[in-house]
C-alpha atoms as a PDB file:
ATOM      1  CA  UNK A   1       0.000   0.000   0.000  1.00  0.00           C
ATOM      2  CA  UNK A   2       1.530   3.354  -1.087  1.00  0.00           C
ATOM      3  CA  UNK A   3       4.821   1.598  -1.885  1.00  0.00           C
ATOM      4  CA  UNK A   4       4.945   0.041   1.592  1.00  0.00           C
ATOM      5  CA  UNK A   5       4.857  -3.667   2.303  1.00  0.00           C
ATOM      6  CA  UNK A   6       2.661  -4.978   5.092  1.00  0.00           C
ATOM      7  CA  UNK A   7       2.367  -8.468   6.505  1.00  0.00           C
ATOM      8  CA  UNK A   8      -0.784 -10.038   7.886  1.00  0.00           C
ATOM      9  CA  UNK A   9      -0.840 -13.484   9.457  1.00  0.00           C
ATOM     10  CA  UNK A  10      -2.851 -15.920   7.332  1.00  0.00           C
ATOM     11  CA  UNK A  11      -4.711 -17.178  10.378  1.00  0.00           C
ATOM     12  CA  UNK A  12      -6.062 -13.644  10.927  1.00  0.00           C
ATOM     13  CA  UNK A  13      -7.511 -13.356   7.404  1.00  0.00           C
ATOM     14  CA  UNK A  14     -11.230 -14.131   7.093  1.00  0.00           C
ATOM     15  CA  UNK A  15     -11.411 -13.711   3.315  1.00  0.00           C
ATOM     16  CA  UNK A  16     -10.228 -11.862   0.226  1.00  0.00           C
ATOM     17  CA  UNK A  17     -12.663  -9.990  -2.012  1.00  0.00           C
ATOM     18  CA  UNK A  18     -11.876  -8.919  -5.562  1.00  0.00           C
ATOM     19  CA  UNK A  19     -13.562  -6.082  -7.430  1.00  0.00           C
ATOM     20  CA  UNK A  20     -12.195  -4.499 -10.613  1.00  0.00           C
ATOM     21  CA  UNK A  21      -8.545  -5.511 -10.007  1.00  0.00           C
ATOM     22  CA  UNK A  22      -8.686  -4.303  -6.414  1.00  0.00           C
ATOM     23  CA  UNK A  23      -8.335  -6.964  -3.726  1.00  0.00           C
ATOM     24  CA  UNK A  24      -9.563  -6.315  -0.206  1.00  0.00           C
ATOM     25  CA  UNK A  25      -8.430  -8.410   2.758  1.00  0.00           C
ATOM     26  CA  UNK A  26     -10.923  -8.711   5.615  1.00  0.00           C
ATOM     27  CA  UNK A  27      -9.432  -9.699   8.956  1.00  0.00           C
ATOM     28  CA  UNK A  28     -10.636 -11.248  12.188  1.00  0.00           C
ATOM     29  CA  UNK A  29     -10.381  -7.968  14.103  1.00  0.00           C
ATOM     30  CA  UNK A  30     -12.665  -6.115  11.662  1.00  0.00           C
ATOM     31  CA  UNK A  31      -9.962  -4.272   9.739  1.00  0.00           C
ATOM     32  CA  UNK A  32      -9.655  -4.374   5.970  1.00  0.00           C
ATOM     33  CA  UNK A  33      -6.849  -3.578   3.550  1.00  0.00           C
ATOM     34  CA  UNK A  34      -7.125  -2.899  -0.191  1.00  0.00           C
ATOM     35  CA  UNK A  35      -4.463  -3.230  -2.861  1.00  0.00           C
ATOM     36  CA  UNK A  36      -4.189  -3.687  -6.626  1.00  0.00           C
ATOM     37  CA  UNK A  37      -3.957  -7.284  -7.745  1.00  0.00           C
ATOM     38  CA  UNK A  38      -5.665 -10.393  -9.071  1.00  0.00           C
ATOM     39  CA  UNK A  39      -7.482 -12.868  -6.888  1.00  0.00           C
ATOM     40  CA  UNK A  40      -6.149 -15.737  -9.019  1.00  0.00           C
ATOM     41  CA  UNK A  41      -2.563 -14.732  -8.123  1.00  0.00           C
ATOM     42  CA  UNK A  42      -3.467 -14.571  -4.422  1.00  0.00           C
ATOM     43  CA  UNK A  43      -5.147 -17.971  -4.669  1.00  0.00           C
ATOM     44  CA  UNK A  44      -2.024 -19.499  -6.206  1.00  0.00           C
ATOM     45  CA  UNK A  45       0.249 -18.022  -3.523  1.00  0.00           C
ATOM     46  CA  UNK A  46      -2.071 -19.143  -0.726  1.00  0.00           C
ATOM     47  CA  UNK A  47      -2.224 -22.712  -2.069  1.00  0.00           C
ATOM     48  CA  UNK A  48       1.375 -23.265  -0.932  1.00  0.00           C
ATOM     49  CA  UNK A  49       0.642 -22.282   2.673  1.00  0.00           C
ATOM     50  CA  UNK A  50      -0.465 -24.227   5.721  1.00  0.00           C
ATOM     51  CA  UNK A  51      -3.772 -22.357   6.045  1.00  0.00           C
ATOM     52  CA  UNK A  52      -6.356 -23.633   3.520  1.00  0.00           C
ATOM     53  CA  UNK A  53      -8.248 -21.083   1.413  1.00  0.00           C
ATOM     54  CA  UNK A  54     -11.224 -21.920  -0.803  1.00  0.00           C
ATOM     55  CA  UNK A  55     -12.425 -20.026  -3.878  1.00  0.00           C
ATOM     56  CA  UNK A  56     -16.190 -19.939  -3.263  1.00  0.00           C
ATOM     57  CA  UNK A  57     -16.966 -17.438  -6.036  1.00  0.00           C
ATOM     58  CA  UNK A  58     -14.978 -15.665  -8.718  1.00  0.00           C
ATOM     59  CA  UNK A  59     -14.698 -12.693  -6.352  1.00  0.00           C
ATOM     60  CA  UNK A  60     -14.104 -14.413  -2.993  1.00  0.00           C
ATOM     61  CA  UNK A  61     -11.292 -16.477  -1.497  1.00  0.00           C
ATOM     62  CA  UNK A  62     -12.245 -17.681   1.989  1.00  0.00           C
ATOM     63  CA  UNK A  63     -10.144 -18.981   4.873  1.00  0.00           C
ATOM     64  CA  UNK A  64     -11.597 -22.462   5.523  1.00  0.00           C
ATOM     65  CA  UNK A  65     -10.591 -22.380   9.195  1.00  0.00           C
ATOM     66  CA  UNK A  66     -13.013 -19.497   9.820  1.00  0.00           C
ATOM     67  CA  UNK A  67     -15.785 -21.284   7.915  1.00  0.00           C
ATOM     68  CA  UNK A  68     -15.435 -24.261  10.265  1.00  0.00           C
ATOM     69  CA  UNK A  69     -15.493 -22.087  13.391  1.00  0.00           C
ATOM     70  CA  UNK A  70     -18.546 -20.168  12.192  1.00  0.00           C
ATOM     71  CA  UNK A  71     -20.602 -23.350  12.043  1.00  0.00           C
ATOM     72  CA  UNK A  72     -19.870 -24.528  15.588  1.00  0.00           C
END
């Protein structure tokens, strides 16, 4: 964001939302961060990690861990 790099723990991410080449990250604590990018590139990068993410729609990539906790 503004030529700065930020890091967010994957376990804190609820989901990614894509809209017109802008990706927004929604986190557990209610914050959100927007940057330019493609959801398909994020999906590919996240597939190598320990936290599973699921593409539930062309515009949403969801952290499966939070899906499981929401149903309990």
